[in-house]
Amino acid sequence: MICQTVAGTPEDIDFAVESARKAFDEGEWRSMDDYQRGKLIYKLAELIEQNTEWLAYFESLNNGKPFSLAKNEDVPFSAMIYRYFAGEADKIKGKTLPMCKPFFGMTRKEPIGVVAQIIPWNYPLLMMCWKVAPALAAGCTIVLKPA
């Protein structure tokens, strides 16, 4: 057994969502310069790589996968996912749309708020990265429910 946990109550979920909403509305992540946000996500990728052994060990315990697979696939691929979206953070832009004269149309992409994410039991680390990285790159806050 890795650890013991307590089941979340509806009140716990409400608190998590309220906290994420407050962080989105009042925190600096949403309004942070896109390039700076990307740098922080890139730093997360570096930290994952620096802690490969430790993360692989717990990923192996978490879902019963061989340590070698977690070390050589799950953890490095997780870092790659964060690196990819770190590079995308400052490239999320709107578009200018052609319209009938004399009109002008455009779109603007901006963070939508709190993103709820549920992680399945298989490939938990990778599944989390696939969901968390793009939401962070877009400037959203997250409430995550692990397997």
C-alpha atoms as a PDB file:
ATOM      1  CA  MET A   1       0.000   0.000   0.000  1.00  0.00           C
ATOM      2  CA  ILE A   2       1.332   3.449  -0.926  1.00  0.00           C
ATOM      3  CA  CYS A   3      -0.888   5.427   1.410  1.00  0.00           C
ATOM      4  CA  GLN A   4      -4.355   5.718   2.864  1.00  0.00           C
ATOM      5  CA  THR A   5      -6.783   8.352   1.695  1.00  0.00           C
ATOM      6  CA  VAL A   6     -10.217   9.547   2.632  1.00  0.00           C
ATOM      7  CA  ALA A   7     -13.086   9.682   0.168  1.00  0.00           C
ATOM      8  CA  GLY A   8     -14.015  13.202  -0.826  1.00  0.00           C
ATOM      9  CA  THR A   9     -17.384  14.540   0.187  1.00  0.00           C
ATOM     10  CA  PRO A  10     -19.604  16.834  -1.878  1.00  0.00           C
ATOM     11  CA  GLU A  11     -18.449  19.639   0.440  1.00  0.00           C
ATOM     12  CA  ASP A  12     -14.799  18.808  -0.353  1.00  0.00           C
ATOM     13  CA  ILE A  13     -15.557  19.019  -4.059  1.00  0.00           C
ATOM     14  CA  ASP A  14     -17.354  22.341  -3.630  1.00  0.00           C
ATOM     15  CA  PHE A  15     -14.378  23.666  -1.677  1.00  0.00           C
ATOM     16  CA  ALA A  16     -11.927  22.529  -4.373  1.00  0.00           C
ATOM     17  CA  VAL A  17     -13.958  24.166  -7.134  1.00  0.00           C
ATOM     18  CA  GLU A  18     -14.417  27.379  -5.117  1.00  0.00           C
ATOM     19  CA  SER A  19     -10.677  27.490  -4.413  1.00  0.00           C
ATOM     20  CA  ALA A  20      -9.821  26.935  -8.070  1.00  0.00           C
ATOM     21  CA  ARG A  21     -12.312  29.632  -9.084  1.00  0.00           C
ATOM     22  CA  LYS A  22     -10.789  32.059  -6.580  1.00  0.00           C
ATOM     23  CA  ALA A  23      -7.301  31.254  -7.886  1.00  0.00           C
ATOM     24  CA  PHE A  24      -8.528  31.846 -11.437  1.00  0.00           C
ATOM     25  CA  ASP A  25     -10.306  35.114 -10.629  1.00  0.00           C
ATOM     26  CA  GLU A  26      -7.768  36.574  -8.200  1.00  0.00           C
ATOM     27  CA  GLY A  27      -4.515  34.751  -8.913  1.00  0.00           C
ATOM     28  CA  GLU A  28      -1.827  35.690 -11.381  1.00  0.00           C
ATOM     29  CA  TRP A  29      -1.761  32.521 -13.526  1.00  0.00           C
ATOM     30  CA  ARG A  30      -4.613  33.624 -15.782  1.00  0.00           C
ATOM     31  CA  SER A  31      -3.202  37.077 -16.438  1.00  0.00           C
ATOM     32  CA  MET A  32       0.439  36.056 -16.482  1.00  0.00           C
ATOM     33  CA  ASP A  33       2.383  36.787 -19.648  1.00  0.00           C
ATOM     34  CA  ASP A  34       2.011  33.762 -21.948  1.00  0.00           C
ATOM     35  CA  TYR A  35       5.760  33.445 -22.385  1.00  0.00           C
ATOM     36  CA  GLN A  36       6.319  33.422 -18.607  1.00  0.00           C
ATOM     37  CA  ARG A  37       3.593  30.791 -18.192  1.00  0.00           C
ATOM     38  CA  GLY A  38       5.378  28.649 -20.780  1.00  0.00           C
ATOM     39  CA  LYS A  39       8.676  29.034 -18.919  1.00  0.00           C
ATOM     40  CA  LEU A  40       7.071  27.754 -15.720  1.00  0.00           C
ATOM     41  CA  ILE A  41       5.523  24.773 -17.493  1.00  0.00           C
ATOM     42  CA  TYR A  42       8.926  24.062 -19.055  1.00  0.00           C
ATOM     43  CA  LYS A  43      10.434  24.154 -15.555  1.00  0.00           C
ATOM     44  CA  LEU A  44       7.867  21.538 -14.521  1.00  0.00           C
ATOM     45  CA  ALA A  45       9.128  19.304 -17.352  1.00  0.00           C
ATOM     46  CA  GLU A  46      12.685  19.748 -16.073  1.00  0.00           C
ATOM     47  CA  LEU A  47      11.632  18.827 -12.538  1.00  0.00           C
ATOM     48  CA  ILE A  48       9.919  15.695 -13.834  1.00  0.00           C
ATOM     49  CA  GLU A  49      13.135  14.658 -15.585  1.00  0.00           C
ATOM     50  CA  GLN A  50      15.237  15.424 -12.501  1.00  0.00           C
ATOM     51  CA  ASN A  51      12.972  13.170 -10.433  1.00  0.00           C
ATOM     52  CA  THR A  52      12.549  10.325 -12.931  1.00  0.00           C
ATOM     53  CA  GLU A  53      13.558   7.520 -10.535  1.00  0.00           C
ATOM     54  CA  TRP A  54      11.263   8.713  -7.756  1.00  0.00           C
ATOM     55  CA  LEU A  55       8.290   9.320 -10.071  1.00  0.00           C
ATOM     56  CA  ALA A  56       8.798   5.975 -11.829  1.00  0.00           C
ATOM     57  CA  TYR A  57       8.893   4.195  -8.489  1.00  0.00           C
ATOM     58  CA  PHE A  58       5.575   5.680  -7.384  1.00  0.00           C
ATOM     59  CA  GLU A  59       3.980   5.267 -10.801  1.00  0.00           C
ATOM     60  CA  SER A  60       4.919   1.587 -10.658  1.00  0.00           C
ATOM     61  CA  LEU A  61       3.412   1.251  -7.183  1.00  0.00           C
ATOM     62  CA  ASN A  62       0.344   3.234  -8.212  1.00  0.00           C
ATOM     63  CA  ASN A  63      -0.792   0.994 -11.048  1.00  0.00           C
ATOM     64  CA  GLY A  64       1.351  -2.146 -10.934  1.00  0.00           C
ATOM     65  CA  LYS A  65       3.306  -1.397 -14.083  1.00  0.00           C
ATOM     66  CA  PRO A  66       6.921  -2.586 -14.306  1.00  0.00           C
ATOM     67  CA  PHE A  67       9.368   0.016 -12.995  1.00  0.00           C
ATOM     68  CA  SER A  68      11.376  -0.110 -16.245  1.00  0.00           C
ATOM     69  CA  LEU A  69       8.313   0.916 -18.289  1.00  0.00           C
ATOM     70  CA  ALA A  70       7.462   3.743 -15.936  1.00  0.00           C
ATOM     71  CA  LYS A  71      11.090   4.935 -15.951  1.00  0.00           C
ATOM     72  CA  ASN A  72      11.716   4.616 -19.690  1.00  0.00           C
ATOM     73  CA  GLU A  73       8.303   5.559 -21.062  1.00  0.00           C
ATOM     74  CA  ASP A  74       5.747   7.138 -18.729  1.00  0.00           C
ATOM     75  CA  VAL A  75       7.992   9.630 -16.961  1.00  0.00           C
ATOM     76  CA  PRO A  76      10.002  10.786 -20.018  1.00  0.00           C
ATOM     77  CA  PHE A  77       6.831  11.061 -22.139  1.00  0.00           C
ATOM     78  CA  SER A  78       5.210  13.090 -19.349  1.00  0.00           C
ATOM     79  CA  ALA A  79       8.087  15.563 -19.449  1.00  0.00           C
ATOM     80  CA  MET A  80       7.771  15.718 -23.248  1.00  0.00           C
ATOM     81  CA  ILE A  81       4.055  16.560 -22.975  1.00  0.00           C
ATOM     82  CA  TYR A  82       4.767  19.457 -20.626  1.00  0.00           C
ATOM     83  CA  ARG A  83       7.574  20.674 -22.892  1.00  0.00           C
ATOM     84  CA  TYR A  84       5.269  20.622 -25.905  1.00  0.00           C
ATOM     85  CA  PHE A  85       2.561  22.668 -24.188  1.00  0.00           C
ATOM     86  CA  ALA A  86       5.144  25.000 -22.643  1.00  0.00           C
ATOM     87  CA  GLY A  87       6.022  25.892 -26.231  1.00  0.00           C
ATOM     88  CA  GLU A  88       2.367  26.345 -27.116  1.00  0.00           C
ATOM     89  CA  ALA A  89       1.546  28.692 -24.216  1.00  0.00           C
ATOM     90  CA  ASP A  90       2.535  31.844 -26.104  1.00  0.00           C
ATOM     91  CA  LYS A  91       1.051  30.670 -29.395  1.00  0.00           C
ATOM     92  CA  ILE A  92      -2.606  30.498 -28.367  1.00  0.00           C
ATOM     93  CA  LYS A  93      -3.957  33.394 -30.421  1.00  0.00           C
ATOM     94  CA  GLY A  94      -7.156  34.431 -32.105  1.00  0.00           C
ATOM     95  CA  LYS A  95      -7.773  34.929 -35.810  1.00  0.00           C
ATOM     96  CA  THR A  96      -8.850  37.691 -38.132  1.00  0.00           C
ATOM     97  CA  LEU A  97     -11.819  36.522 -40.195  1.00  0.00           C
ATOM     98  CA  PRO A  98     -12.717  37.670 -43.699  1.00  0.00           C
ATOM     99  CA  MET A  99     -16.217  39.125 -43.858  1.00  0.00           C
ATOM    100  CA  CYS A 100     -18.404  41.047 -46.270  1.00  0.00           C
ATOM    101  CA  LYS A 101     -17.267  44.652 -46.605  1.00  0.00           C
ATOM    102  CA  PRO A 102     -17.249  46.902 -44.572  1.00  0.00           C
ATOM    103  CA  PHE A 103     -17.262  44.458 -41.664  1.00  0.00           C
ATOM    104  CA  PHE A 104     -14.355  43.057 -39.740  1.00  0.00           C
ATOM    105  CA  GLY A 105     -14.424  39.883 -37.661  1.00  0.00           C
ATOM    106  CA  MET A 106     -11.985  38.404 -35.192  1.00  0.00           C
ATOM    107  CA  THR A 107     -11.715  35.759 -32.505  1.00  0.00           C
ATOM    108  CA  ARG A 108      -9.876  36.046 -29.241  1.00  0.00           C
ATOM    109  CA  LYS A 109      -8.804  33.009 -27.255  1.00  0.00           C
ATOM    110  CA  GLU A 110      -8.582  33.398 -23.509  1.00  0.00           C
ATOM    111  CA  PRO A 111      -8.740  31.163 -20.415  1.00  0.00           C
ATOM    112  CA  ILE A 112     -12.209  29.833 -19.694  1.00  0.00           C
ATOM    113  CA  GLY A 113     -11.843  29.263 -15.950  1.00  0.00           C
ATOM    114  CA  VAL A 114     -11.814  26.122 -13.842  1.00  0.00           C
ATOM    115  CA  VAL A 115     -11.301  22.867 -15.714  1.00  0.00           C
ATOM    116  CA  ALA A 116     -12.478  19.641 -14.046  1.00  0.00           C
ATOM    117  CA  GLN A 117     -10.422  16.595 -14.955  1.00  0.00           C
ATOM    118  CA  ILE A 118     -10.859  12.920 -14.114  1.00  0.00           C
ATOM    119  CA  ILE A 119      -7.865  10.619 -14.440  1.00  0.00           C
ATOM    120  CA  PRO A 120      -8.418   6.897 -15.155  1.00  0.00           C
ATOM    121  CA  TRP A 121      -6.426   4.125 -13.505  1.00  0.00           C
ATOM    122  CA  ASN A 122      -4.383   3.151 -16.565  1.00  0.00           C
ATOM    123  CA  TYR A 123      -1.394   5.360 -17.366  1.00  0.00           C
ATOM    124  CA  PRO A 124      -2.322   7.784 -14.573  1.00  0.00           C
ATOM    125  CA  LEU A 125       0.760  10.001 -14.894  1.00  0.00           C
ATOM    126  CA  LEU A 126       0.515  10.293 -18.679  1.00  0.00           C
ATOM    127  CA  MET A 127      -3.249  10.779 -18.607  1.00  0.00           C
ATOM    128  CA  MET A 128      -2.832  13.550 -16.068  1.00  0.00           C
ATOM    129  CA  CYS A 129      -0.206  15.296 -18.220  1.00  0.00           C
ATOM    130  CA  TRP A 130      -2.373  15.045 -21.356  1.00  0.00           C
ATOM    131  CA  LYS A 131      -5.152  16.852 -19.496  1.00  0.00           C
ATOM    132  CA  VAL A 132      -3.265  19.250 -17.223  1.00  0.00           C
ATOM    133  CA  ALA A 133      -0.620  20.575 -19.634  1.00  0.00           C
ATOM    134  CA  PRO A 134      -2.977  22.145 -22.213  1.00  0.00           C
ATOM    135  CA  ALA A 135      -5.224  23.611 -19.502  1.00  0.00           C
ATOM    136  CA  LEU A 136      -2.222  25.207 -17.787  1.00  0.00           C
ATOM    137  CA  ALA A 137      -0.848  26.490 -21.082  1.00  0.00           C
ATOM    138  CA  ALA A 138      -4.199  28.166 -21.768  1.00  0.00           C
ATOM    139  CA  GLY A 139      -4.159  29.882 -18.356  1.00  0.00           C
ATOM    140  CA  CYS A 140      -6.899  27.832 -16.709  1.00  0.00           C
ATOM    141  CA  THR A 141      -7.019  26.473 -13.167  1.00  0.00           C
ATOM    142  CA  ILE A 142      -7.755  22.816 -12.517  1.00  0.00           C
ATOM    143  CA  VAL A 143      -9.630  20.517 -10.169  1.00  0.00           C
ATOM    144  CA  LEU A 144      -8.281  17.003 -10.621  1.00  0.00           C
ATOM    145  CA  LYS A 145      -9.906  13.743  -9.535  1.00  0.00           C
ATOM    146  CA  PRO A 146      -7.336  10.932  -9.630  1.00  0.00           C
ATOM    147  CA  ALA A 147      -8.227   7.269 -10.118  1.00  0.00           C
END
